[in-house]
Amino acid sequence: MKIHETREDGRLILAPEGRLDTVSAPELLDELKKQLPAVSDLVIDLEKTDYISSAGLRALLYAHQELDGRGTMVVRNANDLVTEVFEVTGFTSILNLE
């Protein structure tokens, strides 16, 4: 998995590419643990993420909890399959989705 990183208007944008599953989610989680202490605004761009498993959801939940009360987190560009996973798991009520 590749994770593209950019900064835009003071926000960190992480864009994972491929499957966000048991194999690749630890890579995203490591990147979040490294970056979040210095970040107040985070965007997770899922435009090139085909699939998300419970491991990927855990990584997103970690970021949400770390930023809660001190910053913002937006998840954008999720495809229909990923959006369906968010809906079934109740993540639509937890995450700020665009």
N, C-alpha and C. Protein backbone atom coordinates (compact mmCIF):
# COMPACT_ATOMS: atom_id res chain seq x y z
N MET A 1 0.83 -1.17 0.00
CA MET A 1 0.00 0.00 0.00
C MET A 1 0.88 1.24 0.00
N LYS A 2 0.48 2.20 -0.76
CA LYS A 2 1.11 3.51 -0.74
C LYS A 2 0.23 4.46 0.05
N ILE A 3 0.87 5.35 0.78
CA ILE A 3 0.14 6.41 1.48
C ILE A 3 0.73 7.73 1.00
N HIS A 4 -0.07 8.45 0.24
CA HIS A 4 0.38 9.75 -0.26
C HIS A 4 0.11 10.80 0.82
N GLU A 5 1.09 11.64 1.04
CA GLU A 5 0.99 12.67 2.07
C GLU A 5 1.17 14.04 1.45
N THR A 6 0.25 14.94 1.75
CA THR A 6 0.37 16.33 1.32
C THR A 6 -0.11 17.23 2.44
N ARG A 7 0.25 18.47 2.33
CA ARG A 7 -0.24 19.49 3.27
C ARG A 7 -0.92 20.57 2.45
N GLU A 8 -2.08 20.96 2.93
CA GLU A 8 -2.88 21.94 2.20
C GLU A 8 -3.57 22.84 3.21
N ASP A 9 -3.30 24.12 3.14
CA ASP A 9 -3.91 25.09 4.06
C ASP A 9 -3.75 24.69 5.52
N GLY A 10 -2.58 24.18 5.89
CA GLY A 10 -2.31 23.80 7.27
C GLY A 10 -2.86 22.45 7.68
N ARG A 11 -3.47 21.72 6.75
CA ARG A 11 -4.03 20.40 7.06
C ARG A 11 -3.11 19.32 6.50
N LEU A 12 -3.04 18.23 7.22
CA LEU A 12 -2.34 17.05 6.73
C LEU A 12 -3.36 16.20 5.98
N ILE A 13 -3.01 15.81 4.77
CA ILE A 13 -3.87 14.94 3.97
C ILE A 13 -3.13 13.64 3.73
N LEU A 14 -3.72 12.55 4.20
CA LEU A 14 -3.18 11.22 3.96
C LEU A 14 -4.13 10.50 3.02
N ALA A 15 -3.58 9.96 1.95
CA ALA A 15 -4.39 9.30 0.93
C ALA A 15 -3.86 7.88 0.70
N PRO A 16 -4.42 6.90 1.41
CA PRO A 16 -4.00 5.52 1.18
C PRO A 16 -4.48 5.03 -0.18
N GLU A 17 -3.67 4.21 -0.80
CA GLU A 17 -4.01 3.68 -2.13
C GLU A 17 -4.03 2.16 -2.06
N GLY A 18 -5.15 1.57 -2.49
CA GLY A 18 -5.28 0.12 -2.48
C GLY A 18 -6.24 -0.34 -1.40
N ARG A 19 -5.96 -1.51 -0.86
CA ARG A 19 -6.81 -2.10 0.18
C ARG A 19 -6.31 -1.67 1.56
N LEU A 20 -7.23 -1.26 2.40
CA LEU A 20 -6.91 -0.91 3.77
C LEU A 20 -7.42 -2.06 4.64
N ASP A 21 -6.55 -3.06 4.82
CA ASP A 21 -6.95 -4.30 5.47
C ASP A 21 -5.92 -4.70 6.53
N THR A 22 -6.02 -5.92 6.99
CA THR A 22 -5.15 -6.41 8.06
C THR A 22 -3.67 -6.28 7.73
N VAL A 23 -3.34 -6.44 6.48
CA VAL A 23 -1.94 -6.36 6.05
C VAL A 23 -1.46 -4.91 5.98
N SER A 24 -2.29 -4.02 5.45
CA SER A 24 -1.84 -2.65 5.19
C SER A 24 -2.23 -1.64 6.26
N ALA A 25 -3.26 -1.89 7.03
CA ALA A 25 -3.71 -0.92 8.03
C ALA A 25 -2.62 -0.56 9.06
N PRO A 26 -1.77 -1.51 9.49
CA PRO A 26 -0.71 -1.13 10.43
C PRO A 26 0.22 -0.04 9.88
N GLU A 27 0.41 -0.02 8.57
CA GLU A 27 1.24 1.02 7.96
C GLU A 27 0.57 2.39 8.12
N LEU A 28 -0.74 2.45 7.89
CA LEU A 28 -1.46 3.71 8.09
C LEU A 28 -1.45 4.09 9.56
N LEU A 29 -1.66 3.14 10.44
CA LEU A 29 -1.66 3.42 11.87
C LEU A 29 -0.30 3.95 12.32
N ASP A 30 0.79 3.38 11.83
CA ASP A 30 2.13 3.87 12.16
C ASP A 30 2.31 5.32 11.70
N GLU A 31 1.84 5.61 10.50
CA GLU A 31 1.94 6.97 9.97
C GLU A 31 1.12 7.94 10.82
N LEU A 32 -0.07 7.53 11.22
CA LEU A 32 -0.91 8.38 12.07
C LEU A 32 -0.24 8.63 13.42
N LYS A 33 0.32 7.60 14.02
CA LYS A 33 0.99 7.76 15.32
C LYS A 33 2.17 8.71 15.22
N LYS A 34 2.86 8.68 14.08
CA LYS A 34 4.01 9.55 13.87
C LYS A 34 3.57 11.00 13.63
N GLN A 35 2.52 11.20 12.87
CA GLN A 35 2.12 12.54 12.43
C GLN A 35 1.17 13.28 13.37
N LEU A 36 0.26 12.56 14.03
CA LEU A 36 -0.82 13.23 14.77
C LEU A 36 -0.38 14.12 15.91
N PRO A 37 0.70 13.85 16.62
CA PRO A 37 1.08 14.77 17.70
C PRO A 37 1.30 16.20 17.23
N ALA A 38 1.68 16.40 15.98
CA ALA A 38 1.96 17.74 15.46
C ALA A 38 0.85 18.25 14.54
N VAL A 39 -0.29 17.58 14.51
CA VAL A 39 -1.35 17.93 13.56
C VAL A 39 -2.63 18.27 14.32
N SER A 40 -3.32 19.31 13.85
CA SER A 40 -4.63 19.60 14.43
C SER A 40 -5.75 19.36 13.44
N ASP A 41 -5.44 19.35 12.15
CA ASP A 41 -6.45 19.11 11.12
C ASP A 41 -5.96 18.01 10.19
N LEU A 42 -6.78 16.97 10.07
CA LEU A 42 -6.41 15.80 9.28
C LEU A 42 -7.51 15.48 8.28
N VAL A 43 -7.09 15.17 7.06
CA VAL A 43 -8.00 14.68 6.04
C VAL A 43 -7.50 13.30 5.62
N ILE A 44 -8.38 12.32 5.64
CA ILE A 44 -8.09 11.00 5.09
C ILE A 44 -8.84 10.92 3.78
N ASP A 45 -8.12 10.90 2.68
CA ASP A 45 -8.72 10.86 1.35
C ASP A 45 -8.71 9.42 0.85
N LEU A 46 -9.90 8.84 0.73
CA LEU A 46 -10.03 7.43 0.36
C LEU A 46 -10.36 7.23 -1.11
N GLU A 47 -10.09 8.22 -1.93
CA GLU A 47 -10.43 8.13 -3.35
C GLU A 47 -9.82 6.89 -4.01
N LYS A 48 -8.61 6.53 -3.63
CA LYS A 48 -7.93 5.39 -4.26
C LYS A 48 -7.88 4.17 -3.33
N THR A 49 -8.77 4.15 -2.34
CA THR A 49 -8.88 3.01 -1.44
C THR A 49 -10.05 2.16 -1.90
N ASP A 50 -9.76 0.93 -2.30
CA ASP A 50 -10.80 0.05 -2.86
C ASP A 50 -11.65 -0.62 -1.79
N TYR A 51 -11.06 -0.88 -0.62
CA TYR A 51 -11.69 -1.73 0.36
C TYR A 51 -11.18 -1.35 1.74
N ILE A 52 -12.03 -1.51 2.75
CA ILE A 52 -11.60 -1.27 4.12
C ILE A 52 -12.12 -2.40 5.01
N SER A 53 -11.25 -2.92 5.85
CA SER A 53 -11.62 -3.99 6.79
C SER A 53 -11.70 -3.39 8.20
N SER A 54 -11.96 -4.26 9.17
CA SER A 54 -12.03 -3.80 10.56
C SER A 54 -10.69 -3.21 11.01
N ALA A 55 -9.60 -3.71 10.48
CA ALA A 55 -8.28 -3.16 10.84
C ALA A 55 -8.15 -1.72 10.33
N GLY A 56 -8.65 -1.46 9.15
CA GLY A 56 -8.66 -0.10 8.61
C GLY A 56 -9.57 0.81 9.43
N LEU A 57 -10.71 0.28 9.83
CA LEU A 57 -11.63 1.06 10.68
C LEU A 57 -10.96 1.42 12.00
N ARG A 58 -10.21 0.48 12.57
CA ARG A 58 -9.50 0.77 13.83
C ARG A 58 -8.50 1.91 13.66
N ALA A 59 -7.81 1.95 12.53
CA ALA A 59 -6.85 3.03 12.28
C ALA A 59 -7.58 4.38 12.21
N LEU A 60 -8.71 4.41 11.53
CA LEU A 60 -9.49 5.65 11.45
C LEU A 60 -10.03 6.05 12.81
N LEU A 61 -10.49 5.08 13.58
CA LEU A 61 -11.00 5.37 14.92
C LEU A 61 -9.89 5.90 15.82
N TYR A 62 -8.70 5.35 15.70
CA TYR A 62 -7.55 5.84 16.47
C TYR A 62 -7.32 7.34 16.17
N ALA A 63 -7.30 7.69 14.89
CA ALA A 63 -7.07 9.09 14.51
C ALA A 63 -8.18 9.98 15.05
N HIS A 64 -9.42 9.52 14.92
CA HIS A 64 -10.56 10.30 15.41
C HIS A 64 -10.43 10.56 16.91
N GLN A 65 -10.07 9.54 17.68
CA GLN A 65 -9.94 9.68 19.12
C GLN A 65 -8.77 10.57 19.51
N GLU A 66 -7.68 10.47 18.77
CA GLU A 66 -6.50 11.30 19.06
C GLU A 66 -6.78 12.78 18.82
N LEU A 67 -7.58 13.09 17.82
CA LEU A 67 -7.85 14.49 17.48
C LEU A 67 -9.07 15.05 18.21
N ASP A 68 -9.85 14.21 18.85
CA ASP A 68 -11.07 14.64 19.52
C ASP A 68 -10.76 15.70 20.57
N GLY A 69 -11.37 16.84 20.42
CA GLY A 69 -11.19 17.92 21.38
C GLY A 69 -10.04 18.86 21.08
N ARG A 70 -9.18 18.50 20.14
CA ARG A 70 -8.05 19.40 19.83
C ARG A 70 -7.89 19.66 18.35
N GLY A 71 -8.71 19.04 17.52
CA GLY A 71 -8.59 19.23 16.08
C GLY A 71 -9.76 18.62 15.34
N THR A 72 -9.61 18.58 14.03
CA THR A 72 -10.68 18.03 13.20
C THR A 72 -10.13 16.93 12.32
N MET A 73 -11.04 16.03 11.96
CA MET A 73 -10.70 14.96 11.05
C MET A 73 -11.85 14.79 10.07
N VAL A 74 -11.51 14.72 8.80
CA VAL A 74 -12.50 14.52 7.74
C VAL A 74 -12.07 13.32 6.92
N VAL A 75 -13.02 12.47 6.59
CA VAL A 75 -12.78 11.36 5.68
C VAL A 75 -13.55 11.68 4.41
N ARG A 76 -12.84 11.72 3.28
CA ARG A 76 -13.52 12.10 2.05
C ARG A 76 -13.26 11.12 0.92
N ASN A 77 -14.13 11.19 -0.07
CA ASN A 77 -14.00 10.44 -1.33
C ASN A 77 -14.08 8.93 -1.17
N ALA A 78 -14.84 8.45 -0.19
CA ALA A 78 -14.99 6.99 -0.04
C ALA A 78 -15.88 6.45 -1.15
N ASN A 79 -15.49 5.32 -1.73
CA ASN A 79 -16.31 4.71 -2.77
C ASN A 79 -17.54 4.05 -2.14
N ASP A 80 -18.41 3.49 -2.97
CA ASP A 80 -19.66 2.90 -2.47
C ASP A 80 -19.42 1.75 -1.51
N LEU A 81 -18.46 0.89 -1.80
CA LEU A 81 -18.18 -0.25 -0.92
C LEU A 81 -17.69 0.21 0.45
N VAL A 82 -16.77 1.15 0.47
CA VAL A 82 -16.25 1.66 1.74
C VAL A 82 -17.35 2.40 2.50
N THR A 83 -18.15 3.17 1.79
CA THR A 83 -19.27 3.87 2.43
C THR A 83 -20.25 2.88 3.04
N GLU A 84 -20.50 1.78 2.36
CA GLU A 84 -21.39 0.75 2.90
C GLU A 84 -20.81 0.15 4.18
N VAL A 85 -19.51 -0.07 4.23
CA VAL A 85 -18.88 -0.57 5.45
C VAL A 85 -19.06 0.45 6.58
N PHE A 86 -18.89 1.74 6.29
CA PHE A 86 -19.10 2.78 7.30
C PHE A 86 -20.54 2.74 7.81
N GLU A 87 -21.49 2.57 6.90
CA GLU A 87 -22.90 2.54 7.29
C GLU A 87 -23.23 1.33 8.15
N VAL A 88 -22.77 0.15 7.74
CA VAL A 88 -23.08 -1.09 8.46
C VAL A 88 -22.47 -1.09 9.86
N THR A 89 -21.29 -0.51 9.99
CA THR A 89 -20.58 -0.52 11.28
C THR A 89 -20.94 0.67 12.17
N GLY A 90 -21.72 1.61 11.67
CA GLY A 90 -22.08 2.78 12.45
C GLY A 90 -21.06 3.90 12.42
N PHE A 91 -20.05 3.76 11.59
CA PHE A 91 -19.02 4.80 11.50
C PHE A 91 -19.54 6.09 10.87
N THR A 92 -20.68 6.04 10.21
CA THR A 92 -21.24 7.28 9.64
C THR A 92 -21.64 8.24 10.76
N SER A 93 -21.91 7.71 11.94
CA SER A 93 -22.26 8.59 13.05
C SER A 93 -21.04 9.02 13.86
N ILE A 94 -19.90 8.40 13.59
CA ILE A 94 -18.67 8.73 14.32
C ILE A 94 -17.79 9.68 13.52
N LEU A 95 -17.62 9.38 12.24
CA LEU A 95 -16.68 10.13 11.40
C LEU A 95 -17.38 11.27 10.68
N ASN A 96 -16.61 12.29 10.38
CA ASN A 96 -17.08 13.39 9.54
C ASN A 96 -16.77 13.00 8.10
N LEU A 97 -17.79 12.59 7.35
CA LEU A 97 -17.60 12.10 5.99
C LEU A 97 -17.98 13.16 4.97
N GLU A 98 -17.17 13.29 3.96
CA GLU A 98 -17.47 14.21 2.84
C GLU A 98 -17.49 13.43 1.55
